[in-house]
């Protein structure tokens, strides 16, 4: 399952997650919500704490607003501890806005080819 199919994760958040190497639910489970949030922040994006709660909700399969207040507090403490280990911010521009583009194929388009599935032709190794 891709991150775009996870509960609470919209197109923009899914794009941020992809850009930091988290493409599947298994990737998110492996690093956890706090580390995923830290990676997004470290990449230069400016997510609100709602993303942290949304990531935790995705892991627990509940709406992010249903997270108990105590769990939100635990997430904040864990994030503060992780953020303290981050290097000091440098004077550099923030990452560019992320946009999601969907292309609809029609009969005039050349079909795309997955490079990893190519088996034809002779080549020297």
PDB file of N, CA and C in Angstrom:
ATOM      1  N   UNK A   1       0.855  -1.175   0.000  1.00  0.00           N
ATOM      2  CA  UNK A   1       0.000   0.000   0.000  1.00  0.00           C
ATOM      3  C   UNK A   1       0.900   1.236   0.000  1.00  0.00           C
ATOM      4  N   UNK A   2       0.612   2.186  -0.851  1.00  0.00           N
ATOM      5  CA  UNK A   2       1.403   3.405  -0.891  1.00  0.00           C
ATOM      6  C   UNK A   2       0.942   4.361   0.206  1.00  0.00           C
ATOM      7  N   UNK A   3       1.793   5.344   0.513  1.00  0.00           N
ATOM      8  CA  UNK A   3       1.437   6.302   1.557  1.00  0.00           C
ATOM      9  C   UNK A   3       0.232   7.136   1.164  1.00  0.00           C
ATOM     10  N   UNK A   4      -0.014   7.287  -0.141  1.00  0.00           N
ATOM     11  CA  UNK A   4      -1.175   8.082  -0.561  1.00  0.00           C
ATOM     12  C   UNK A   4      -2.486   7.370  -0.252  1.00  0.00           C
ATOM     13  N   UNK A   5      -2.449   6.081   0.044  1.00  0.00           N
ATOM     14  CA  UNK A   5      -3.651   5.326   0.363  1.00  0.00           C
ATOM     15  C   UNK A   5      -3.878   5.194   1.868  1.00  0.00           C
ATOM     16  N   UNK A   6      -2.964   5.733   2.662  1.00  0.00           N
ATOM     17  CA  UNK A   6      -3.094   5.634   4.111  1.00  0.00           C
ATOM     18  C   UNK A   6      -4.140   6.611   4.626  1.00  0.00           C
ATOM     19  N   UNK A   7      -4.803   6.215   5.677  1.00  0.00           N
ATOM     20  CA  UNK A   7      -5.778   7.079   6.338  1.00  0.00           C
ATOM     21  C   UNK A   7      -5.076   8.347   6.827  1.00  0.00           C
ATOM     22  N   UNK A   8      -5.723   9.486   6.680  1.00  0.00           N
ATOM     23  CA  UNK A   8      -5.242  10.797   7.118  1.00  0.00           C
ATOM     24  C   UNK A   8      -4.173  11.422   6.217  1.00  0.00           C
ATOM     25  N   UNK A   9      -3.682  10.698   5.227  1.00  0.00           N
ATOM     26  CA  UNK A   9      -2.569  11.185   4.422  1.00  0.00           C
ATOM     27  C   UNK A   9      -3.094  11.647   3.063  1.00  0.00           C
ATOM     28  N   UNK A  10      -3.061  12.953   2.866  1.00  0.00           N
ATOM     29  CA  UNK A  10      -3.509  13.538   1.607  1.00  0.00           C
ATOM     30  C   UNK A  10      -2.381  13.591   0.591  1.00  0.00           C
ATOM     31  N   UNK A  11      -2.664  14.130  -0.588  1.00  0.00           N
ATOM     32  CA  UNK A  11      -1.666  14.155  -1.664  1.00  0.00           C
ATOM     33  C   UNK A  11      -0.389  14.915  -1.307  1.00  0.00           C
ATOM     34  N   UNK A  12      -0.523  16.040  -0.639  1.00  0.00           N
ATOM     35  CA  UNK A  12       0.661  16.838  -0.297  1.00  0.00           C
ATOM     36  C   UNK A  12       1.527  16.102   0.726  1.00  0.00           C
ATOM     37  N   UNK A  13       0.898  15.557   1.755  1.00  0.00           N
ATOM     38  CA  UNK A  13       1.650  14.806   2.768  1.00  0.00           C
ATOM     39  C   UNK A  13       2.292  13.569   2.151  1.00  0.00           C
ATOM     40  N   UNK A  14       1.574  12.892   1.270  1.00  0.00           N
ATOM     41  CA  UNK A  14       2.119  11.704   0.605  1.00  0.00           C
ATOM     42  C   UNK A  14       3.335  12.082  -0.233  1.00  0.00           C
ATOM     43  N   UNK A  15       3.275  13.228  -0.903  1.00  0.00           N
ATOM     44  CA  UNK A  15       4.409  13.686  -1.713  1.00  0.00           C
ATOM     45  C   UNK A  15       5.613  13.985  -0.817  1.00  0.00           C
ATOM     46  N   UNK A  16       5.382  14.634   0.319  1.00  0.00           N
ATOM     47  CA  UNK A  16       6.477  14.895   1.261  1.00  0.00           C
ATOM     48  C   UNK A  16       7.099  13.588   1.718  1.00  0.00           C
ATOM     49  N   UNK A  17       6.254  12.623   2.070  1.00  0.00           N
ATOM     50  CA  UNK A  17       6.765  11.333   2.549  1.00  0.00           C
ATOM     51  C   UNK A  17       7.570  10.623   1.472  1.00  0.00           C
ATOM     52  N   UNK A  18       7.065  10.648   0.239  1.00  0.00           N
ATOM     53  CA  UNK A  18       7.826  10.032  -0.864  1.00  0.00           C
ATOM     54  C   UNK A  18       9.191  10.686  -1.015  1.00  0.00           C
ATOM     55  N   UNK A  19       9.227  12.003  -0.888  1.00  0.00           N
ATOM     56  CA  UNK A  19      10.487  12.716  -1.078  1.00  0.00           C
ATOM     57  C   UNK A  19      11.503  12.432   0.014  1.00  0.00           C
ATOM     58  N   UNK A  20      11.064  11.952   1.153  1.00  0.00           N
ATOM     59  CA  UNK A  20      12.010  11.587   2.217  1.00  0.00           C
ATOM     60  C   UNK A  20      12.188  10.072   2.291  1.00  0.00           C
ATOM     61  N   UNK A  21      11.736   9.355   1.256  1.00  0.00           N
ATOM     62  CA  UNK A  21      11.993   7.927   1.153  1.00  0.00           C
ATOM     63  C   UNK A  21      10.980   7.018   1.804  1.00  0.00           C
ATOM     64  N   UNK A  22       9.849   7.555   2.223  1.00  0.00           N
ATOM     65  CA  UNK A  22       8.815   6.732   2.849  1.00  0.00           C
ATOM     66  C   UNK A  22       7.675   6.567   1.853  1.00  0.00           C
ATOM     67  N   UNK A  23       7.644   5.422   1.196  1.00  0.00           N
ATOM     68  CA  UNK A  23       6.702   5.221   0.099  1.00  0.00           C
ATOM     69  C   UNK A  23       5.571   4.248   0.404  1.00  0.00           C
ATOM     70  N   UNK A  24       5.730   3.458   1.447  1.00  0.00           N
ATOM     71  CA  UNK A  24       4.723   2.442   1.751  1.00  0.00           C
ATOM     72  C   UNK A  24       4.352   2.482   3.226  1.00  0.00           C
ATOM     73  N   UNK A  25       3.277   1.791   3.548  1.00  0.00           N
ATOM     74  CA  UNK A  25       2.872   1.679   4.943  1.00  0.00           C
ATOM     75  C   UNK A  25       3.967   0.987   5.749  1.00  0.00           C
ATOM     76  N   UNK A  26       4.616   0.012   5.155  1.00  0.00           N
ATOM     77  CA  UNK A  26       5.689  -0.700   5.839  1.00  0.00           C
ATOM     78  C   UNK A  26       6.841   0.246   6.167  1.00  0.00           C
ATOM     79  N   UNK A  27       7.158   1.172   5.246  1.00  0.00           N
ATOM     80  CA  UNK A  27       8.205   2.164   5.511  1.00  0.00           C
ATOM     81  C   UNK A  27       7.834   3.009   6.722  1.00  0.00           C
ATOM     82  N   UNK A  28       6.572   3.446   6.769  1.00  0.00           N
ATOM     83  CA  UNK A  28       6.111   4.278   7.877  1.00  0.00           C
ATOM     84  C   UNK A  28       6.131   3.499   9.190  1.00  0.00           C
ATOM     85  N   UNK A  29       5.691   2.260   9.165  1.00  0.00           N
ATOM     86  CA  UNK A  29       5.701   1.425  10.368  1.00  0.00           C
ATOM     87  C   UNK A  29       7.138   1.252  10.864  1.00  0.00           C
ATOM     88  N   UNK A  30       8.075   1.060   9.947  1.00  0.00           N
ATOM     89  CA  UNK A  30       9.470   0.812  10.320  1.00  0.00           C
ATOM     90  C   UNK A  30      10.107   1.997  11.042  1.00  0.00           C
ATOM     91  N   UNK A  31       9.760   3.229  10.634  1.00  0.00           N
ATOM     92  CA  UNK A  31      10.403   4.392  11.264  1.00  0.00           C
ATOM     93  C   UNK A  31       9.549   5.034  12.344  1.00  0.00           C
ATOM     94  N   UNK A  32       8.247   4.866  12.272  1.00  0.00           N
ATOM     95  CA  UNK A  32       7.348   5.466  13.252  1.00  0.00           C
ATOM     96  C   UNK A  32       6.958   6.890  12.875  1.00  0.00           C
ATOM     97  N   UNK A  33       5.933   7.370  13.534  1.00  0.00           N
ATOM     98  CA  UNK A  33       5.369   8.674  13.186  1.00  0.00           C
ATOM     99  C   UNK A  33       6.319   9.825  13.507  1.00  0.00           C
ATOM    100  N   UNK A  34       7.014   9.763  14.632  1.00  0.00           N
ATOM    101  CA  UNK A  34       7.894  10.867  15.023  1.00  0.00           C
ATOM    102  C   UNK A  34       9.065  10.982  14.056  1.00  0.00           C
ATOM    103  N   UNK A  35       9.716   9.862  13.754  1.00  0.00           N
ATOM    104  CA  UNK A  35      10.855   9.896  12.820  1.00  0.00           C
ATOM    105  C   UNK A  35      10.404  10.345  11.434  1.00  0.00           C
ATOM    106  N   UNK A  36       9.251   9.899  10.982  1.00  0.00           N
ATOM    107  CA  UNK A  36       8.743  10.330   9.672  1.00  0.00           C
ATOM    108  C   UNK A  36       8.531  11.839   9.667  1.00  0.00           C
ATOM    109  N   UNK A  37       7.947  12.369  10.742  1.00  0.00           N
ATOM    110  CA  UNK A  37       7.719  13.806  10.861  1.00  0.00           C
ATOM    111  C   UNK A  37       9.046  14.562  10.865  1.00  0.00           C
ATOM    112  N   UNK A  38      10.028  14.055  11.606  1.00  0.00           N
ATOM    113  CA  UNK A  38      11.348  14.679  11.663  1.00  0.00           C
ATOM    114  C   UNK A  38      11.983  14.701  10.279  1.00  0.00           C
ATOM    115  N   UNK A  39      11.863  13.623   9.537  1.00  0.00           N
ATOM    116  CA  UNK A  39      12.434  13.567   8.184  1.00  0.00           C
ATOM    117  C   UNK A  39      11.810  14.622   7.272  1.00  0.00           C
ATOM    118  N   UNK A  40      10.516  14.795   7.376  1.00  0.00           N
ATOM    119  CA  UNK A  40       9.830  15.798   6.555  1.00  0.00           C
ATOM    120  C   UNK A  40      10.331  17.192   6.930  1.00  0.00           C
ATOM    121  N   UNK A  41      10.436  17.467   8.224  1.00  0.00           N
ATOM    122  CA  UNK A  41      10.936  18.777   8.671  1.00  0.00           C
ATOM    123  C   UNK A  41      12.385  18.978   8.237  1.00  0.00           C
ATOM    124  N   UNK A  42      13.203  17.939   8.395  1.00  0.00           N
ATOM    125  CA  UNK A  42      14.620  18.033   8.039  1.00  0.00           C
ATOM    126  C   UNK A  42      14.798  18.303   6.546  1.00  0.00           C
ATOM    127  N   UNK A  43      13.857  17.828   5.740  1.00  0.00           N
ATOM    128  CA  UNK A  43      13.933  18.038   4.291  1.00  0.00           C
ATOM    129  C   UNK A  43      13.616  19.479   3.902  1.00  0.00           C
ATOM    130  N   UNK A  44      13.160  20.275   4.862  1.00  0.00           N
ATOM    131  CA  UNK A  44      12.903  21.675   4.572  1.00  0.00           C
ATOM    132  C   UNK A  44      11.442  22.022   4.397  1.00  0.00           C
ATOM    133  N   UNK A  45      10.577  21.042   4.502  1.00  0.00           N
ATOM    134  CA  UNK A  45       9.147  21.323   4.419  1.00  0.00           C
ATOM    135  C   UNK A  45       8.691  21.890   5.766  1.00  0.00           C
ATOM    136  N   UNK A  46       7.531  22.507   5.778  1.00  0.00           N
ATOM    137  CA  UNK A  46       7.030  23.121   7.009  1.00  0.00           C
ATOM    138  C   UNK A  46       5.673  22.536   7.404  1.00  0.00           C
ATOM    139  N   UNK A  47       5.669  21.281   7.811  1.00  0.00           N
ATOM    140  CA  UNK A  47       4.394  20.675   8.220  1.00  0.00           C
ATOM    141  C   UNK A  47       3.970  21.190   9.583  1.00  0.00           C
ATOM    142  N   UNK A  48       2.678  21.213   9.804  1.00  0.00           N
ATOM    143  CA  UNK A  48       2.174  21.543  11.140  1.00  0.00           C
ATOM    144  C   UNK A  48       2.174  20.260  11.976  1.00  0.00           C
ATOM    145  N   UNK A  49       1.906  20.414  13.244  1.00  0.00           N
ATOM    146  CA  UNK A  49       1.829  19.241  14.117  1.00  0.00           C
ATOM    147  C   UNK A  49       0.695  18.302  13.699  1.00  0.00           C
ATOM    148  N   UNK A  50      -0.250  18.810  12.929  1.00  0.00           N
ATOM    149  CA  UNK A  50      -1.325  17.943  12.438  1.00  0.00           C
ATOM    150  C   UNK A  50      -0.763  16.782  11.625  1.00  0.00           C
ATOM    151  N   UNK A  51       0.358  16.999  10.920  1.00  0.00           N
ATOM    152  CA  UNK A  51       0.961  15.889  10.172  1.00  0.00           C
ATOM    153  C   UNK A  51       1.458  14.821  11.142  1.00  0.00           C
ATOM    154  N   UNK A  52       2.068  15.226  12.227  1.00  0.00           N
ATOM    155  CA  UNK A  52       2.525  14.256  13.223  1.00  0.00           C
ATOM    156  C   UNK A  52       1.356  13.418  13.727  1.00  0.00           C
ATOM    157  N   UNK A  53       0.253  14.087  14.042  1.00  0.00           N
ATOM    158  CA  UNK A  53      -0.928  13.377  14.525  1.00  0.00           C
ATOM    159  C   UNK A  53      -1.544  12.509  13.420  1.00  0.00           C
ATOM    160  N   UNK A  54      -1.516  13.010  12.192  1.00  0.00           N
ATOM    161  CA  UNK A  54      -2.055  12.235  11.063  1.00  0.00           C
ATOM    162  C   UNK A  54      -1.235  10.970  10.838  1.00  0.00           C
ATOM    163  N   UNK A  55       0.083  11.077  10.963  1.00  0.00           N
ATOM    164  CA  UNK A  55       0.945   9.910  10.793  1.00  0.00           C
ATOM    165  C   UNK A  55       0.666   8.871  11.880  1.00  0.00           C
ATOM    166  N   UNK A  56       0.520   9.335  13.106  1.00  0.00           N
ATOM    167  CA  UNK A  56       0.210   8.410  14.203  1.00  0.00           C
ATOM    168  C   UNK A  56      -1.161   7.773  13.986  1.00  0.00           C
ATOM    169  N   UNK A  57      -2.120   8.581  13.554  1.00  0.00           N
ATOM    170  CA  UNK A  57      -3.447   8.042  13.254  1.00  0.00           C
ATOM    171  C   UNK A  57      -3.402   7.015  12.138  1.00  0.00           C
ATOM    172  N   UNK A  58      -2.545   7.257  11.142  1.00  0.00           N
ATOM    173  CA  UNK A  58      -2.404   6.294  10.039  1.00  0.00           C
ATOM    174  C   UNK A  58      -1.868   4.964  10.575  1.00  0.00           C
ATOM    175  N   UNK A  59      -0.925   5.040  11.503  1.00  0.00           N
ATOM    176  CA  UNK A  59      -0.372   3.809  12.080  1.00  0.00           C
ATOM    177  C   UNK A  59      -1.392   3.073  12.942  1.00  0.00           C
ATOM    178  N   UNK A  60      -2.247   3.839  13.611  1.00  0.00           N
ATOM    179  CA  UNK A  60      -3.251   3.229  14.491  1.00  0.00           C
ATOM    180  C   UNK A  60      -4.580   2.985  13.784  1.00  0.00           C
ATOM    181  N   UNK A  61      -4.666   3.395  12.524  1.00  0.00           N
ATOM    182  CA  UNK A  61      -5.884   3.282  11.716  1.00  0.00           C
ATOM    183  C   UNK A  61      -7.065   3.985  12.387  1.00  0.00           C
ATOM    184  N   UNK A  62      -6.813   5.230  12.796  1.00  0.00           N
ATOM    185  CA  UNK A  62      -7.894   6.050  13.350  1.00  0.00           C
ATOM    186  C   UNK A  62      -7.745   7.469  12.817  1.00  0.00           C
ATOM    187  N   UNK A  63      -8.809   8.241  12.881  1.00  0.00           N
ATOM    188  CA  UNK A  63      -8.747   9.631  12.458  1.00  0.00           C
ATOM    189  C   UNK A  63      -7.814  10.383  13.403  1.00  0.00           C
ATOM    190  N   UNK A  64      -7.015  11.290  12.872  1.00  0.00           N
ATOM    191  CA  UNK A  64      -6.015  11.965  13.695  1.00  0.00           C
ATOM    192  C   UNK A  64      -6.632  12.763  14.837  1.00  0.00           C
ATOM    193  N   UNK A  65      -7.857  13.225  14.661  1.00  0.00           N
ATOM    194  CA  UNK A  65      -8.500  13.981  15.734  1.00  0.00           C
ATOM    195  C   UNK A  65      -8.979  13.081  16.874  1.00  0.00           C
ATOM    196  N   UNK A  66      -8.966  11.771  16.656  1.00  0.00           N
ATOM    197  CA  UNK A  66      -9.380  10.827  17.703  1.00  0.00           C
ATOM    198  C   UNK A  66      -8.223  10.386  18.594  1.00  0.00           C
ATOM    199  N   UNK A  67      -7.013  10.868  18.306  1.00  0.00           N
ATOM    200  CA  UNK A  67      -5.882  10.509  19.164  1.00  0.00           C
ATOM    201  C   UNK A  67      -6.120  11.079  20.557  1.00  0.00           C
ATOM    202  N   UNK A  68      -5.954  10.263  21.586  1.00  0.00           N
ATOM    203  CA  UNK A  68      -6.140  10.775  22.952  1.00  0.00           C
ATOM    204  C   UNK A  68      -5.143  11.900  23.254  1.00  0.00           C
ATOM    205  N   UNK A  69      -5.560  12.823  24.062  1.00  0.00           N
ATOM    206  CA  UNK A  69      -4.716  13.967  24.426  1.00  0.00           C
ATOM    207  C   UNK A  69      -3.399  13.496  25.038  1.00  0.00           C
ATOM    208  N   UNK A  70      -3.450  12.433  25.828  1.00  0.00           N
ATOM    209  CA  UNK A  70      -2.231  11.899  26.447  1.00  0.00           C
ATOM    210  C   UNK A  70      -1.245  11.428  25.377  1.00  0.00           C
ATOM    211  N   UNK A  71      -1.759  10.771  24.321  1.00  0.00           N
ATOM    212  CA  UNK A  71      -0.878  10.297  23.253  1.00  0.00           C
ATOM    213  C   UNK A  71      -0.292  11.466  22.472  1.00  0.00           C
ATOM    214  N   UNK A  72      -1.083  12.503  22.273  1.00  0.00           N
ATOM    215  CA  UNK A  72      -0.557  13.700  21.593  1.00  0.00           C
ATOM    216  C   UNK A  72       0.590  14.298  22.400  1.00  0.00           C
ATOM    217  N   UNK A  73       0.414  14.332  23.708  1.00  0.00           N
ATOM    218  CA  UNK A  73       1.481  14.840  24.570  1.00  0.00           C
ATOM    219  C   UNK A  73       2.745  14.008  24.464  1.00  0.00           C
ATOM    220  N   UNK A  74       2.589  12.683  24.431  1.00  0.00           N
ATOM    221  CA  UNK A  74       3.740  11.786  24.284  1.00  0.00           C
ATOM    222  C   UNK A  74       4.445  12.033  22.954  1.00  0.00           C
ATOM    223  N   UNK A  75       3.670  12.234  21.897  1.00  0.00           N
ATOM    224  CA  UNK A  75       4.259  12.504  20.584  1.00  0.00           C
ATOM    225  C   UNK A  75       5.043  13.813  20.596  1.00  0.00           C
ATOM    226  N   UNK A  76       4.499  14.830  21.256  1.00  0.00           N
ATOM    227  CA  UNK A  76       5.196  16.117  21.336  1.00  0.00           C
ATOM    228  C   UNK A  76       6.514  15.993  22.095  1.00  0.00           C
ATOM    229  N   UNK A  77       6.501  15.261  23.205  1.00  0.00           N
ATOM    230  CA  UNK A  77       7.729  15.056  23.981  1.00  0.00           C
ATOM    231  C   UNK A  77       8.756  14.315  23.132  1.00  0.00           C
ATOM    232  N   UNK A  78       8.322  13.273  22.437  1.00  0.00           N
ATOM    233  CA  UNK A  78       9.233  12.501  21.583  1.00  0.00           C
ATOM    234  C   UNK A  78       9.769  13.361  20.445  1.00  0.00           C
ATOM    235  N   UNK A  79       8.902  14.198  19.861  1.00  0.00           N
ATOM    236  CA  UNK A  79       9.365  15.076  18.779  1.00  0.00           C
ATOM    237  C   UNK A  79      10.361  16.106  19.310  1.00  0.00           C
ATOM    238  N   UNK A  80      10.069  16.710  20.454  1.00  0.00           N
ATOM    239  CA  UNK A  80      10.988  17.693  21.032  1.00  0.00           C
ATOM    240  C   UNK A  80      12.363  17.080  21.274  1.00  0.00           C
ATOM    241  N   UNK A  81      12.394  15.845  21.772  1.00  0.00           N
ATOM    242  CA  UNK A  81      13.666  15.158  22.010  1.00  0.00           C
ATOM    243  C   UNK A  81      14.399  14.904  20.697  1.00  0.00           C
ATOM    244  N   UNK A  82      13.672  14.476  19.679  1.00  0.00           N
ATOM    245  CA  UNK A  82      14.287  14.213  18.373  1.00  0.00           C
ATOM    246  C   UNK A  82      14.747  15.516  17.723  1.00  0.00           C
ATOM    247  N   UNK A  83      13.956  16.574  17.853  1.00  0.00           N
ATOM    248  CA  UNK A  83      14.299  17.858  17.245  1.00  0.00           C
ATOM    249  C   UNK A  83      15.537  18.460  17.893  1.00  0.00           C
ATOM    250  N   UNK A  84      15.755  18.191  19.180  1.00  0.00           N
ATOM    251  CA  UNK A  84      16.928  18.713  19.867  1.00  0.00           C
ATOM    252  C   UNK A  84      18.220  18.132  19.290  1.00  0.00           C
ATOM    253  N   UNK A  85      18.114  16.958  18.681  1.00  0.00           N
ATOM    254  CA  UNK A  85      19.291  16.311  18.093  1.00  0.00           C
ATOM    255  C   UNK A  85      19.566  16.775  16.665  1.00  0.00           C
ATOM    256  N   UNK A  86      18.628  17.509  16.085  1.00  0.00           N
ATOM    257  CA  UNK A  86      18.812  17.995  14.716  1.00  0.00           C
ATOM    258  C   UNK A  86      19.855  19.099  14.686  1.00  0.00           C
ATOM    259  N   UNK A  87      20.607  19.201  13.587  1.00  0.00           N
ATOM    260  CA  UNK A  87      21.556  20.305  13.478  1.00  0.00           C
ATOM    261  C   UNK A  87      20.816  21.638  13.409  1.00  0.00           C
ATOM    262  N   UNK A  88      21.497  22.687  13.806  1.00  0.00           N
ATOM    263  CA  UNK A  88      20.896  24.024  13.764  1.00  0.00           C
ATOM    264  C   UNK A  88      20.529  24.365  12.322  1.00  0.00           C
ATOM    265  N   UNK A  89      19.410  25.057  12.129  1.00  0.00           N
ATOM    266  CA  UNK A  89      18.993  25.403  10.769  1.00  0.00           C
ATOM    267  C   UNK A  89      20.015  26.321  10.101  1.00  0.00           C
ATOM    268  N   UNK A  90      20.220  26.081   8.819  1.00  0.00           N
ATOM    269  CA  UNK A  90      21.121  26.920   8.037  1.00  0.00           C
ATOM    270  C   UNK A  90      20.299  27.970   7.313  1.00  0.00           C
ATOM    271  N   UNK A  91      20.965  29.030   6.919  1.00  0.00           N
ATOM    272  CA  UNK A  91      20.283  30.057   6.140  1.00  0.00           C
ATOM    273  C   UNK A  91      20.198  29.592   4.696  1.00  0.00           C
ATOM    274  N   UNK A  92      19.122  28.913   4.401  1.00  0.00           N
ATOM    275  CA  UNK A  92      18.903  28.444   3.038  1.00  0.00           C
ATOM    276  C   UNK A  92      17.412  28.491   2.764  1.00  0.00           C
ATOM    277  N   UNK A  93      17.062  28.569   1.510  1.00  0.00           N
ATOM    278  CA  UNK A  93      15.630  28.613   1.193  1.00  0.00           C
ATOM    279  C   UNK A  93      14.947  27.301   1.552  1.00  0.00           C
ATOM    280  N   UNK A  94      13.688  27.408   1.831  1.00  0.00           N
ATOM    281  CA  UNK A  94      12.885  26.238   2.143  1.00  0.00           C
ATOM    282  C   UNK A  94      12.682  25.444   0.863  1.00  0.00           C
ATOM    283  N   UNK A  95      12.388  24.167   1.010  1.00  0.00           N
ATOM    284  CA  UNK A  95      12.109  23.338  -0.158  1.00  0.00           C
ATOM    285  C   UNK A  95      10.942  23.935  -0.932  1.00  0.00           C
ATOM    286  N   UNK A  96      10.980  23.727  -2.225  1.00  0.00           N
ATOM    287  CA  UNK A  96       9.921  24.254  -3.092  1.00  0.00           C
ATOM    288  C   UNK A  96       8.597  23.562  -2.777  1.00  0.00           C
ATOM    289  N   UNK A  97       7.490  24.228  -3.069  1.00  0.00           N
ATOM    290  CA  UNK A  97       6.185  23.596  -2.857  1.00  0.00           C
ATOM    291  C   UNK A  97       6.065  22.319  -3.679  1.00  0.00           C
ATOM    292  N   UNK A  98       5.353  21.382  -3.130  1.00  0.00           N
ATOM    293  CA  UNK A  98       5.144  20.105  -3.807  1.00  0.00           C
ATOM    294  C   UNK A  98       3.802  20.148  -4.520  1.00  0.00           C
ATOM    295  N   UNK A  99       3.818  19.724  -5.768  1.00  0.00           N
ATOM    296  CA  UNK A  99       2.563  19.615  -6.501  1.00  0.00           C
ATOM    297  C   UNK A  99       2.425  18.188  -7.000  1.00  0.00           C
ATOM    298  N   UNK A 100       1.224  17.746  -7.102  1.00  0.00           N
ATOM    299  CA  UNK A 100       0.948  16.410  -7.600  1.00  0.00           C
ATOM    300  C   UNK A 100       0.278  16.547  -8.956  1.00  0.00           C
ATOM    301  N   UNK A 101       0.858  15.900  -9.948  1.00  0.00           N
ATOM    302  CA  UNK A 101       0.317  15.954 -11.297  1.00  0.00           C
ATOM    303  C   UNK A 101      -0.132  14.567 -11.699  1.00  0.00           C
ATOM    304  N   UNK A 102      -1.337  14.485 -12.221  1.00  0.00           N
ATOM    305  CA  UNK A 102      -1.829  13.209 -12.711  1.00  0.00           C
ATOM    306  C   UNK A 102      -1.998  13.315 -14.221  1.00  0.00           C
ATOM    307  N   UNK A 103      -1.455  12.346 -14.922  1.00  0.00           N
ATOM    308  CA  UNK A 103      -1.516  12.336 -16.374  1.00  0.00           C
ATOM    309  C   UNK A 103      -2.517  11.282 -16.793  1.00  0.00           C
ATOM    310  N   UNK A 104      -3.426  11.670 -17.651  1.00  0.00           N
ATOM    311  CA  UNK A 104      -4.377  10.710 -18.193  1.00  0.00           C
ATOM    312  C   UNK A 104      -3.875  10.290 -19.571  1.00  0.00           C
ATOM    313  N   UNK A 105      -3.766   8.989 -19.733  1.00  0.00           N
ATOM    314  CA  UNK A 105      -3.311   8.480 -21.017  1.00  0.00           C
ATOM    315  C   UNK A 105      -4.473   8.449 -22.004  1.00  0.00           C
ATOM    316  N   UNK A 106      -4.181   8.722 -23.243  1.00  0.00           N
ATOM    317  CA  UNK A 106      -5.186   8.582 -24.290  1.00  0.00           C
ATOM    318  C   UNK A 106      -4.589   7.739 -25.402  1.00  0.00           C
ATOM    319  N   UNK A 107      -5.361   7.506 -26.438  1.00  0.00           N
ATOM    320  CA  UNK A 107      -4.907   6.592 -27.488  1.00  0.00           C
ATOM    321  C   UNK A 107      -3.745   7.140 -28.291  1.00  0.00           C
ATOM    322  N   UNK A 108      -3.447   8.444 -28.174  1.00  0.00           N
ATOM    323  CA  UNK A 108      -2.368   9.048 -28.941  1.00  0.00           C
ATOM    324  C   UNK A 108      -1.039   9.041 -28.193  1.00  0.00           C
ATOM    325  N   UNK A 109      -1.087   8.649 -26.931  1.00  0.00           N
ATOM    326  CA  UNK A 109       0.142   8.641 -26.141  1.00  0.00           C
ATOM    327  C   UNK A 109       0.897   7.337 -26.357  1.00  0.00           C
ATOM    328  N   UNK A 110       2.212   7.441 -26.306  1.00  0.00           N
ATOM    329  CA  UNK A 110       3.049   6.254 -26.377  1.00  0.00           C
ATOM    330  C   UNK A 110       3.026   5.610 -25.003  1.00  0.00           C
ATOM    331  N   UNK A 111       2.762   4.308 -24.910  1.00  0.00           N
ATOM    332  CA  UNK A 111       2.711   3.679 -23.589  1.00  0.00           C
ATOM    333  C   UNK A 111       4.067   3.782 -22.891  1.00  0.00           C
ATOM    334  N   UNK A 112       4.038   4.000 -21.591  1.00  0.00           N
ATOM    335  CA  UNK A 112       5.285   4.097 -20.846  1.00  0.00           C
ATOM    336  C   UNK A 112       5.852   2.700 -20.643  1.00  0.00           C
ATOM    337  N   UNK A 113       7.165   2.649 -20.473  1.00  0.00           N
ATOM    338  CA  UNK A 113       7.820   1.358 -20.304  1.00  0.00           C
ATOM    339  C   UNK A 113       8.540   1.371 -18.965  1.00  0.00           C
ATOM    340  N   UNK A 114       8.323   0.350 -18.195  1.00  0.00           N
ATOM    341  CA  UNK A 114       9.037   0.214 -16.934  1.00  0.00           C
ATOM    342  C   UNK A 114      10.434  -0.295 -17.252  1.00  0.00           C
ATOM    343  N   UNK A 115      11.459   0.487 -16.944  1.00  0.00           N
ATOM    344  CA  UNK A 115      12.828   0.124 -17.287  1.00  0.00           C
ATOM    345  C   UNK A 115      13.282  -1.149 -16.601  1.00  0.00           C
ATOM    346  N   UNK A 116      12.680  -1.459 -15.473  1.00  0.00           N
ATOM    347  CA  UNK A 116      13.088  -2.652 -14.749  1.00  0.00           C
ATOM    348  C   UNK A 116      12.506  -3.924 -15.362  1.00  0.00           C
ATOM    349  N   UNK A 117      11.521  -3.785 -16.231  1.00  0.00           N
ATOM    350  CA  UNK A 117      10.909  -4.948 -16.859  1.00  0.00           C
ATOM    351  C   UNK A 117      11.472  -5.215 -18.255  1.00  0.00           C
ATOM    352  N   UNK A 118      12.399  -4.419 -18.726  1.00  0.00           N
ATOM    353  CA  UNK A 118      12.913  -4.561 -20.071  1.00  0.00           C
ATOM    354  C   UNK A 118      13.737  -5.835 -20.192  1.00  0.00           C
ATOM    355  N   UNK A 119      13.387  -6.677 -21.138  1.00  0.00           N
ATOM    356  CA  UNK A 119      14.130  -7.936 -21.307  1.00  0.00           C
ATOM    357  C   UNK A 119      14.629  -8.119 -22.731  1.00  0.00           C
ATOM    358  N   UNK A 120      14.310  -7.215 -23.609  1.00  0.00           N
ATOM    359  CA  UNK A 120      14.681  -7.387 -25.015  1.00  0.00           C
ATOM    360  C   UNK A 120      16.059  -6.882 -25.332  1.00  0.00           C
ATOM    361  N   UNK A 121      16.519  -7.245 -26.535  1.00  0.00           N
ATOM    362  CA  UNK A 121      17.773  -6.726 -27.058  1.00  0.00           C
ATOM    363  C   UNK A 121      18.991  -7.448 -26.541  1.00  0.00           C
ATOM    364  N   UNK A 122      20.066  -7.380 -27.339  1.00  0.00           N
ATOM    365  CA  UNK A 122      21.340  -7.963 -26.932  1.00  0.00           C
ATOM    366  C   UNK A 122      22.173  -6.896 -26.270  1.00  0.00           C
ATOM    367  N   UNK A 123      22.920  -7.285 -25.279  1.00  0.00           N
ATOM    368  CA  UNK A 123      23.806  -6.336 -24.623  1.00  0.00           C
ATOM    369  C   UNK A 123      24.982  -7.081 -24.036  1.00  0.00           C
ATOM    370  N   UNK A 124      26.065  -6.358 -23.844  1.00  0.00           N
ATOM    371  CA  UNK A 124      27.253  -6.937 -23.226  1.00  0.00           C
ATOM    372  C   UNK A 124      27.246  -6.592 -21.764  1.00  0.00           C
ATOM    373  N   UNK A 125      27.579  -7.548 -20.922  1.00  0.00           N
ATOM    374  CA  UNK A 125      27.628  -7.272 -19.468  1.00  0.00           C
ATOM    375  C   UNK A 125      29.028  -6.946 -19.046  1.00  0.00           C
TER     376      UNK A 125
END
